[in-house]
Protein backbone atom coordinates (compact mmCIF):
# COMPACT_ATOMS: atom_id res chain seq x y z
CA MET A 1 11.26 -32.82 13.62
CA SER A 2 7.70 -33.85 13.98
CA ALA A 3 4.98 -33.16 11.23
CA VAL A 4 3.54 -30.51 13.39
CA ASP A 5 6.85 -28.87 13.82
CA THR A 6 7.38 -29.00 10.04
CA SER A 7 4.29 -27.23 9.22
CA HIS A 8 5.07 -24.54 11.59
CA ALA A 9 8.44 -23.85 9.90
CA GLN A 10 6.87 -23.74 6.60
CA ARG A 11 4.11 -21.33 7.57
CA GLU A 12 4.81 -17.68 7.15
CA LYS A 13 5.14 -15.64 10.27
CA ALA A 14 2.35 -13.58 11.37
CA ARG A 15 3.32 -10.06 11.81
CA ILE A 16 2.10 -8.44 15.07
CA PHE A 17 2.28 -5.29 16.88
CA MET A 18 1.54 -5.20 20.77
CA THR A 19 0.50 -1.88 22.64
CA GLY A 20 -1.36 -0.64 25.45
CA SER A 21 -1.21 -2.13 29.12
CA CYS A 22 -2.94 -4.63 31.15
CA ASP A 23 -1.88 -7.39 33.78
CA GLY A 24 -0.20 -10.31 32.11
CA LEU A 25 0.94 -8.43 28.88
CA ASP A 26 4.57 -8.42 29.50
CA GLN A 27 4.58 -12.34 30.06
CA LEU A 28 2.36 -12.68 27.05
CA ARG A 29 5.06 -10.42 24.79
CA GLU A 30 7.82 -12.72 26.17
CA ALA A 31 5.87 -15.97 25.17
CA LEU A 32 5.25 -14.55 21.71
CA GLU A 33 8.69 -13.40 21.01
CA ARG A 34 9.88 -16.97 21.42
CA HIS A 35 6.93 -18.35 19.41
CA ALA A 36 7.87 -19.92 15.81
CA GLU A 37 4.62 -18.78 14.07
CA VAL A 38 4.90 -15.11 15.18
CA GLU A 39 7.15 -12.16 14.39
CA LEU A 40 6.76 -9.24 16.99
CA VAL A 41 7.31 -6.27 14.85
CA GLU A 42 7.45 -3.81 17.93
CA THR A 43 5.86 -2.99 21.28
CA SER A 44 4.73 0.26 22.89
CA VAL A 45 2.47 1.54 25.58
CA GLY A 46 1.38 4.54 23.57
CA VAL A 47 0.29 4.80 19.83
CA ALA A 48 2.15 8.07 18.70
CA GLU A 49 5.64 7.09 19.34
CA SER A 50 4.95 4.02 17.08
CA ALA A 51 3.00 5.56 14.27
CA GLY A 52 5.49 4.85 11.73
CA THR A 53 5.69 1.18 12.34
CA LEU A 54 1.75 0.90 12.67
CA THR A 55 1.33 2.47 9.26
CA GLY A 56 3.90 0.76 7.13
CA GLY A 57 4.29 -2.44 9.05
CA HIS A 58 1.75 -4.54 6.98
CA LEU A 59 0.58 -6.23 10.18
CA GLU A 60 -1.64 -9.31 10.56
CA ALA A 61 -3.08 -7.95 13.73
CA VAL A 62 -2.60 -5.50 16.70
CA LEU A 63 -2.78 -6.73 20.12
CA HIS A 64 -4.01 -3.96 22.43
CA GLY A 65 -3.94 -4.34 26.20
CA THR A 66 -6.57 -2.39 28.22
CA ARG A 67 -7.34 -1.96 31.84
CA SER A 68 -10.84 -0.68 30.94
CA SER A 69 -13.78 -2.68 31.96
CA THR A 70 -15.64 -0.95 28.95
CA LEU A 71 -14.86 -0.81 25.20
CA PRO A 72 -11.77 1.55 24.89
CA ARG A 73 -13.34 3.59 21.87
CA ASP A 74 -10.84 6.39 21.82
CA GLU A 75 -7.81 3.93 21.83
CA ILE A 76 -9.29 2.00 19.07
CA ALA A 77 -10.02 5.35 17.06
CA SER A 78 -6.47 6.20 17.73
CA LEU A 79 -5.11 2.72 16.21
CA ARG A 80 -7.54 3.30 13.23
CA GLU A 81 -5.78 6.54 12.38
CA HIS A 82 -2.61 4.55 11.42
CA THR A 83 -3.66 0.96 10.39
CA ARG A 84 -6.60 -1.11 9.22
CA ALA A 85 -5.04 -4.43 10.47
CA PRO A 86 -7.38 -6.58 12.79
CA ILE A 87 -7.48 -5.35 16.43
CA ILE A 88 -7.47 -7.97 19.08
CA LEU A 89 -8.29 -6.52 22.63
CA LEU A 90 -6.54 -8.22 25.62
CA ALA A 91 -7.96 -7.34 29.20
CA SER A 92 -7.36 -8.96 32.53
CA GLY A 93 -9.84 -9.87 35.08
CA GLU A 94 -13.56 -9.63 34.42
CA ALA A 95 -14.67 -7.98 31.46
CA SER A 96 -17.99 -9.07 30.38
CA VAL A 97 -19.26 -5.78 29.33
CA LEU A 98 -16.22 -5.24 27.07
CA LEU A 99 -17.07 -8.59 25.53
CA GLU A 100 -20.58 -7.37 24.91
CA GLU A 101 -19.59 -4.19 23.33
CA ALA A 102 -16.75 -5.71 21.11
CA LEU A 103 -19.21 -7.45 19.17
CA ASP A 104 -20.63 -4.15 17.73
CA ALA A 105 -17.24 -2.29 17.27
CA ASP A 106 -14.26 -2.42 14.84
CA VAL A 107 -12.55 -5.35 17.16
CA SER A 108 -11.74 -8.83 15.79
CA ASP A 109 -11.51 -10.66 19.06
CA VAL A 110 -11.35 -10.05 22.70
CA LEU A 111 -9.35 -12.43 25.03
CA LEU A 112 -8.85 -12.37 29.00
CA LEU A 113 -5.40 -12.71 30.28
CA PRO A 114 -3.99 -14.99 31.35
CA GLN A 115 -4.37 -17.20 28.35
CA MET A 116 -2.39 -20.10 26.66
CA THR A 117 0.03 -18.71 24.34
CA GLU A 118 -1.32 -21.03 21.40
CA ASN A 119 -4.99 -19.68 22.20
CA ILE A 120 -3.49 -16.17 21.29
CA VAL A 121 -1.56 -17.43 18.22
CA PHE A 122 -4.96 -19.12 17.01
CA ALA A 123 -6.79 -15.90 17.53
CA ILE A 124 -4.25 -13.97 15.55
CA ARG A 125 -4.42 -16.48 12.54
CA LYS A 126 -8.24 -16.18 12.71
CA ALA A 127 -8.19 -12.39 12.87
CA SER A 128 -5.60 -12.17 9.94
CA LYS A 129 -7.73 -14.66 7.71
CA ASN A 130 -11.03 -12.68 8.29
CA GLY A 131 -9.53 -9.19 8.34
CA ALA A 132 -11.12 -6.30 10.31
CA LYS A 133 -14.75 -6.66 10.68
CA THR A 134 -16.78 -5.28 7.76
CA PRO A 135 -20.42 -5.29 6.99
CA VAL A 136 -21.78 -8.42 5.54
CA SER A 137 -22.90 -6.82 2.43
CA ALA A 138 -19.34 -5.48 1.61
CA PRO A 139 -18.20 -6.00 -1.83
CA THR A 140 -15.81 -8.99 -2.58
CA ARG A 141 -13.49 -7.04 -4.89
CA ARG A 142 -10.13 -6.71 -3.47
CA GLY A 143 -8.01 -4.38 -6.00
CA ARG A 144 -4.09 -4.28 -5.72
CA ILE A 145 -2.54 -0.92 -4.96
CA VAL A 146 0.69 -0.31 -6.85
CA THR A 147 2.74 2.53 -5.44
CA VAL A 148 5.15 4.56 -7.47
CA PHE A 149 7.75 6.44 -5.34
CA SER A 150 11.03 8.12 -5.77
CA PRO A 151 12.66 10.29 -3.05
CA LYS A 152 14.12 12.51 -5.71
CA GLY A 153 12.28 14.65 -8.21
CA GLY A 154 13.11 14.31 -12.02
CA THR A 155 13.60 10.49 -11.87
CA GLY A 156 10.35 9.84 -14.10
CA LYS A 157 8.19 8.86 -11.37
CA THR A 158 4.88 10.54 -12.92
CA VAL A 159 5.87 9.34 -16.50
CA THR A 160 6.19 5.80 -15.21
CA SER A 161 2.78 5.96 -13.06
CA THR A 162 0.71 7.36 -15.86
CA ASN A 163 1.96 5.05 -18.40
CA LEU A 164 1.77 2.07 -16.18
CA ALA A 165 -2.02 2.89 -15.44
CA ALA A 166 -2.65 3.38 -18.98
CA ALA A 167 -1.07 -0.07 -19.77
CA PHE A 168 -3.06 -1.73 -17.13
CA ALA A 169 -6.27 -0.20 -18.49
CA LYS A 170 -5.74 -0.64 -22.19
CA PHE A 171 -3.76 -3.76 -22.69
CA GLU A 172 -4.31 -5.85 -19.59
CA GLY A 173 -8.09 -5.09 -19.33
CA LYS A 174 -8.02 -3.96 -15.73
CA ARG A 175 -10.44 -1.67 -14.13
CA THR A 176 -7.72 1.04 -12.87
CA LEU A 177 -7.53 4.09 -10.94
CA LEU A 178 -4.80 6.54 -11.12
CA LEU A 179 -4.54 8.38 -7.78
CA ASP A 180 -2.39 11.45 -7.67
CA LEU A 181 -0.96 11.73 -4.06
CA ASP A 182 1.71 14.45 -5.25
CA LEU A 183 -0.78 16.71 -3.30
CA GLN A 184 0.82 19.93 -3.87
CA PHE A 185 2.32 19.60 -7.35
CA GLY A 186 0.79 16.72 -9.19
CA ASP A 187 1.18 16.51 -12.85
CA ALA A 188 -0.52 13.24 -13.65
CA ALA A 189 -3.71 14.81 -15.16
CA ILE A 190 -1.64 17.12 -17.46
CA MET A 191 0.29 14.12 -18.79
CA LEU A 192 -2.70 12.48 -19.65
CA GLY A 193 -3.93 15.58 -21.50
CA LEU A 194 -6.77 15.97 -19.06
CA GLU A 195 -8.26 19.17 -17.21
CA PRO A 196 -10.57 17.48 -14.74
CA GLU A 197 -13.32 19.50 -13.13
CA LYS A 198 -13.02 17.60 -9.69
CA THR A 199 -10.02 16.63 -7.82
CA ILE A 200 -9.06 14.52 -4.42
CA TYR A 201 -9.78 17.75 -2.57
CA ASP A 202 -13.15 18.01 -3.81
CA LEU A 203 -13.75 14.45 -2.81
CA VAL A 204 -12.65 14.66 0.68
CA VAL A 205 -14.32 17.91 1.60
CA ALA A 206 -17.70 16.88 0.08
CA PRO A 207 -20.24 15.86 2.95
CA GLY A 208 -21.37 12.45 3.65
CA GLU A 209 -19.87 8.87 3.75
CA LEU A 210 -17.31 7.89 1.06
CA ASP A 211 -18.46 4.74 -0.84
CA SER A 212 -18.00 3.31 -4.56
CA GLU A 213 -20.79 5.44 -6.11
CA LYS A 214 -19.55 8.55 -4.49
CA LEU A 215 -16.06 7.85 -5.67
CA ALA A 216 -17.06 7.31 -9.15
CA GLY A 217 -18.70 10.91 -9.06
CA TYR A 218 -15.37 12.54 -8.42
CA THR A 219 -13.22 10.49 -11.00
CA THR A 220 -12.46 11.45 -14.58
CA ARG A 221 -12.30 8.79 -17.35
CA HIS A 222 -9.24 8.78 -19.90
CA THR A 223 -9.58 7.49 -23.40
CA SER A 224 -7.65 4.39 -22.45
CA GLY A 225 -10.15 3.27 -19.98
CA LEU A 226 -8.56 4.33 -16.87
CA ASP A 227 -10.03 6.75 -14.28
CA ILE A 228 -7.97 9.39 -12.51
CA LEU A 229 -8.43 11.15 -9.24
CA PRO A 230 -6.05 14.27 -9.42
CA ALA A 231 -4.03 16.14 -7.04
CA PRO A 232 -5.65 19.38 -5.78
CA VAL A 233 -5.43 22.49 -7.86
CA ARG A 234 -4.00 24.64 -5.21
CA PRO A 235 -1.26 23.54 -3.02
CA GLU A 236 -2.66 24.86 0.09
CA ASP A 237 -5.66 22.31 -0.40
CA ALA A 238 -3.29 19.53 0.27
CA GLU A 239 -3.63 19.85 4.02
CA LEU A 240 -7.16 18.72 3.98
CA VAL A 241 -6.24 15.39 2.54
CA THR A 242 -5.69 13.75 5.91
CA GLU A 243 -4.26 10.29 6.59
CA THR A 244 -7.70 9.13 7.77
CA LYS A 245 -9.61 10.30 4.83
CA LEU A 246 -7.04 8.79 2.62
CA SER A 247 -7.18 5.49 4.35
CA ARG A 248 -10.79 5.19 3.45
CA LEU A 249 -10.42 6.29 0.02
CA LEU A 250 -7.93 3.55 -0.46
CA GLU A 251 -10.27 0.95 1.00
CA VAL A 252 -13.19 2.05 -1.18
CA ALA A 253 -10.90 2.22 -4.31
CA ARG A 254 -10.09 -1.52 -3.65
CA GLU A 255 -13.78 -2.42 -3.80
CA SER A 256 -14.06 -0.64 -7.18
CA TYR A 257 -11.10 -1.39 -8.99
CA ASP A 258 -8.79 -4.13 -10.02
CA ILE A 259 -5.53 -2.10 -9.67
CA ILE A 260 -5.04 1.28 -8.06
CA VAL A 261 -1.86 3.14 -9.20
CA VAL A 262 -0.47 5.82 -6.82
CA ASP A 263 1.67 8.41 -7.74
CA THR A 264 3.46 10.13 -4.83
CA SER A 265 5.52 13.08 -3.85
CA PRO A 266 9.22 12.46 -2.80
CA PHE A 267 8.74 12.61 0.92
CA PHE A 268 7.70 10.16 3.64
CA HIS A 269 4.97 12.35 4.92
CA GLY A 270 1.51 11.23 6.48
CA PRO A 271 -0.26 10.54 3.12
CA MET A 272 2.71 8.38 1.97
CA LEU A 273 2.80 6.32 5.03
CA ALA A 274 -0.90 5.85 5.07
CA THR A 275 -0.68 4.56 1.34
CA LEU A 276 2.39 2.32 2.36
CA ASP A 277 0.29 0.52 4.85
CA ARG A 278 -1.96 -0.59 1.91
CA THR A 279 0.69 -1.01 -0.72
CA ASP A 280 0.89 -4.51 -2.45
CA GLU A 281 3.58 -3.48 -4.72
CA LEU A 282 5.98 -0.47 -4.14
CA LEU A 283 7.99 0.60 -7.36
CA LEU A 284 10.88 2.48 -6.39
CA VAL A 285 12.31 4.44 -9.15
CA CYS A 286 16.00 5.26 -9.36
CA GLY A 287 18.15 6.91 -11.99
CA LEU A 288 21.77 6.41 -13.11
CA ASP A 289 23.19 9.23 -11.14
CA VAL A 290 24.94 9.53 -7.71
CA PRO A 291 22.56 11.91 -5.98
CA THR A 292 19.49 9.74 -6.79
CA LEU A 293 21.49 6.51 -5.72
CA LYS A 294 22.04 8.39 -2.48
CA ASN A 295 18.49 9.23 -1.97
CA VAL A 296 17.14 5.89 -2.79
CA ARG A 297 19.44 4.20 -0.47
CA LEU A 298 18.30 6.43 2.36
CA ALA A 299 14.63 5.67 1.16
CA LEU A 300 15.50 1.84 1.60
CA GLN A 301 16.76 2.56 4.98
CA THR A 302 13.57 4.48 5.74
CA LEU A 303 11.34 1.66 4.71
CA GLU A 304 13.30 -0.84 6.83
CA LEU A 305 12.86 1.26 9.70
CA LEU A 306 9.20 1.45 8.86
CA ALA A 307 9.06 -2.42 9.06
CA PHE A 308 8.00 -2.29 5.25
CA PRO A 309 8.26 -5.92 3.77
CA GLN A 310 11.26 -6.07 1.56
CA ASN A 311 9.70 -8.52 -0.81
CA ARG A 312 7.10 -5.92 -1.76
CA ILE A 313 9.88 -3.63 -3.14
CA ARG A 314 10.46 -3.46 -6.83
CA LEU A 315 13.50 -1.44 -7.92
CA VAL A 316 12.72 0.32 -11.27
CA LEU A 317 15.94 1.65 -13.06
CA ASN A 318 14.76 4.41 -15.40
CA ARG A 319 16.64 5.57 -18.38
CA ALA A 320 18.53 2.42 -17.98
CA ASN A 321 20.29 2.75 -21.46
CA SER A 322 21.86 6.21 -20.78
CA LYS A 323 25.60 6.41 -21.42
CA VAL A 324 26.67 8.23 -18.11
CA GLY A 325 29.39 6.22 -16.92
CA MET A 326 27.31 3.95 -14.67
CA LYS A 327 25.85 0.52 -15.17
CA ARG A 328 22.90 -1.69 -13.57
CA GLY A 329 25.48 -3.76 -11.71
CA GLU A 330 26.83 -0.44 -10.08
CA VAL A 331 23.40 0.58 -9.09
CA GLU A 332 22.71 -3.05 -7.51
CA GLY A 333 25.89 -2.96 -5.61
CA ALA A 334 25.44 0.50 -4.26
CA LEU A 335 21.88 -0.30 -3.12
CA ASP A 336 22.46 -3.94 -2.20
CA THR A 337 19.08 -4.69 -4.18
CA LYS A 338 18.36 -6.15 -7.53
CA VAL A 339 16.75 -4.22 -10.32
CA ARG A 340 13.49 -5.66 -10.99
CA PHE A 341 12.46 -3.50 -14.15
CA GLU A 342 14.59 -1.67 -16.51
CA VAL A 343 13.07 1.15 -18.59
CA PRO A 344 15.12 2.76 -21.47
CA SER A 345 15.58 6.32 -22.28
CA ASP A 346 13.39 6.98 -25.43
CA ARG A 347 12.87 10.17 -27.38
CA ALA A 348 9.07 9.16 -27.55
CA VAL A 349 8.66 9.97 -23.96
CA PRO A 350 9.25 13.87 -23.93
CA ILE A 351 7.30 14.20 -27.10
CA ALA A 352 4.39 12.17 -25.60
CA VAL A 353 4.56 14.15 -22.34
CA ASN A 354 4.38 17.70 -24.15
CA ARG A 355 1.31 16.25 -26.36
CA GLY A 356 -0.47 15.10 -23.19
CA ASN A 357 -0.60 11.51 -24.31
CA PRO A 358 1.24 8.61 -22.69
CA ALA A 359 3.87 7.09 -24.79
CA VAL A 360 2.58 3.56 -24.13
CA LEU A 361 -0.49 4.45 -26.25
CA ALA A 362 0.94 7.17 -28.53
CA GLU A 363 4.00 5.14 -29.68
CA ALA A 364 3.19 1.43 -28.76
CA GLY A 365 6.14 0.06 -30.55
CA ALA A 366 8.79 2.26 -28.98
CA ASP A 367 11.14 0.53 -26.53
CA PHE A 368 9.86 2.55 -23.69
CA SER A 369 6.29 1.31 -24.29
CA LYS A 370 7.39 -2.21 -24.46
CA ALA A 371 9.06 -1.99 -21.05
CA ILE A 372 6.03 -0.60 -19.45
CA ARG A 373 3.83 -3.25 -20.82
CA GLU A 374 6.26 -5.82 -19.59
CA MET A 375 6.25 -4.03 -16.20
CA ALA A 376 2.44 -4.30 -16.21
CA LYS A 377 2.48 -8.07 -16.97
CA GLY A 378 4.98 -8.45 -14.39
CA LEU A 379 3.32 -6.75 -11.56
CA GLN A 380 0.17 -9.17 -11.79
CA PRO A 381 -0.18 -12.09 -9.33
CA ALA A 382 1.30 -15.48 -10.88
CA GLU A 383 -2.05 -17.20 -10.74
CA VAL A 384 -3.58 -14.23 -12.79
CA ALA A 385 -0.70 -14.30 -15.36
CA LYS A 386 -1.09 -18.07 -15.51
CA GLY A 387 -4.92 -17.71 -16.17
CA GLN A 388 -4.40 -15.25 -19.06
CA LYS A 389 -1.97 -17.59 -20.71
CA ARG A 390 -4.34 -20.54 -20.67
CA GLY A 391 -6.81 -18.10 -22.21
CA LEU A 392 -4.60 -17.06 -25.01
CA PHE A 393 -6.93 -18.00 -27.76
CA ARG A 394 -10.10 -17.13 -26.13
CA LYS A 395 -12.04 -14.22 -27.74
CA GLY A 396 -13.10 -11.22 -25.71
């Protein structure tokens, strides 16, 4: 194998989605399916039938074919409802007007077909590296989104998310936002002992463009240092937290925070899918009981159908030391997935919940608290953890 071929083999494949229609698109699709540097996740003519893949696919680029000689703004807007991945427009024939209009639109590149396959792959790599077009003055901060999910209630999902967020803020020194997306019955604020005046509902219905300054005006600060954006007070208000508004909220939050911990409802509904599209680490909370195992297994299958990258899923075994006739190995065997974090059952947890003070803060020496702090450390990128280790004796 030549040196060039070796570099291709070692380079991670670019995950792409193809949609739309234009002359030459079918031939390009066949060429990209055979290309060593590209993983074609899915193709479709329309957007609606593949919304799940667009939302949860963690795509490097979306290739959209168009027969229009002018910029297809409605088609771009439809794609943007489901993904923030860079869009590359593909057109056939003469499209000079299209090229000019794309310079001012949310489009990374425009290519006229037919085109050499290598030129298309180069454009995909360039778009993936640069990301979707953003203003020059956009902030450089890029916070990580840690989503906590369980397909069954009562597994300790909210306890995990609130304590994890507190650990990030208090012990890891991270600027942290806790976002409660259990939109109808969220309890994150109660578990923190807070009664916020404003919720995510108030934010999304407020007039004007959402930016970091506006977001700060709707969050509530906890004594640990984390900020929280609670779920709506009334269940019916959840309908107004649309996928489009949530997508914008997550992008703005990334500009303002190091870590965004998202507590979710136990359903794969629109807000959850929009969150998955931006999730860096997905904590899938499981317990030592057969009904939960069944639901978690179904959740893993659904995530696979959504093309969510398996390497971003972290299985959390909650109440791992419970004597209920089931052990870690049986869980891993049933789910065909390794447990990444174990959290023990601890009497400090229900006491802390009833007092509205996270156990990781109230009982720092408890086994539960130690496990949560280890989880917070384990979820940081390797280069960050390495840098902290070098600075172990540094003041501040």
